[in-house]
Amino acid sequence: MIVSCRNDICVYWKNDECMLEAIDINEAGFCNDYISVNIPSEELEYYRKKHLDDLRNRAY
């Protein structure tokens, strides 16, 4: 079973899918079986911008 997932900072996330074989979903439709990586927002923003800049530089 393939489960779509948008939580890209979960260690079980890969290419918009959950890598676990089986998961528990709560009443709100969220996965109960996740480990979230705590990345400071400043660091996350830095790497998002850096990655976006790298992609833009490749396009030209």
Protein backbone atom coordinates (compact mmCIF):
# COMPACT_ATOMS: atom_id res chain seq x y z
CA MET A 1 0.00 0.00 0.00
CA ILE A 2 1.43 3.41 -1.00
CA VAL A 3 0.48 6.31 1.26
CA SER A 4 0.77 9.86 -0.02
CA CYS A 5 2.54 12.16 2.43
CA ARG A 6 3.30 15.89 2.40
CA ASN A 7 5.36 15.97 5.60
CA ASP A 8 8.76 16.37 3.94
CA ILE A 9 10.61 16.79 7.24
CA CYS A 10 9.49 13.38 8.53
CA VAL A 11 12.27 10.78 8.41
CA TYR A 12 9.85 8.33 6.75
CA TRP A 13 9.12 10.74 3.86
CA LYS A 14 10.45 10.12 0.36
CA ASN A 15 9.15 11.66 -2.87
CA ASP A 16 5.73 12.53 -1.38
CA GLU A 17 5.24 9.00 -0.06
CA CYS A 18 5.52 7.34 3.35
CA MET A 19 8.26 4.69 3.40
CA LEU A 20 6.62 2.68 6.20
CA GLU A 21 4.93 -0.59 5.28
CA ALA A 22 1.98 0.07 7.62
CA ILE A 23 0.87 3.21 9.43
CA ASP A 24 -1.87 4.34 11.82
CA ILE A 25 -3.99 7.31 10.70
CA ASN A 26 -5.79 9.45 13.29
CA GLU A 27 -9.28 10.98 12.97
CA ALA A 28 -7.88 14.07 11.22
CA GLY A 29 -6.13 11.92 8.61
CA PHE A 30 -2.63 12.46 9.98
CA CYS A 31 -0.10 9.71 10.53
CA ASN A 32 0.44 8.68 14.15
CA ASP A 33 3.71 6.88 13.35
CA TYR A 34 6.15 9.60 12.43
CA ILE A 35 9.47 10.95 13.57
CA SER A 36 9.79 14.60 12.70
CA VAL A 37 13.18 16.23 12.28
CA ASN A 38 13.51 19.47 14.23
CA ILE A 39 15.27 21.97 11.95
CA PRO A 40 15.46 25.60 13.08
CA SER A 41 13.37 27.77 10.75
CA GLU A 42 16.34 30.02 9.94
CA GLU A 43 18.41 27.05 8.80
CA LEU A 44 15.53 25.56 6.83
CA GLU A 45 14.94 28.90 5.10
CA TYR A 46 18.67 29.23 4.29
CA TYR A 47 18.84 25.82 2.62
CA ARG A 48 15.54 26.29 0.77
CA LYS A 49 16.82 29.58 -0.67
CA LYS A 50 20.21 28.05 -1.47
CA HIS A 51 18.60 25.11 -3.24
CA LEU A 52 16.25 27.39 -5.18
CA ASP A 53 19.18 29.63 -6.22
CA ASP A 54 21.13 26.55 -7.36
CA LEU A 55 18.18 25.37 -9.44
CA ARG A 56 17.71 28.79 -11.00
CA ASN A 57 21.41 28.97 -11.89
CA ARG A 58 21.20 25.59 -13.64
CA ALA A 59 18.24 26.69 -15.73
CA TYR A 60 20.17 29.47 -17.44
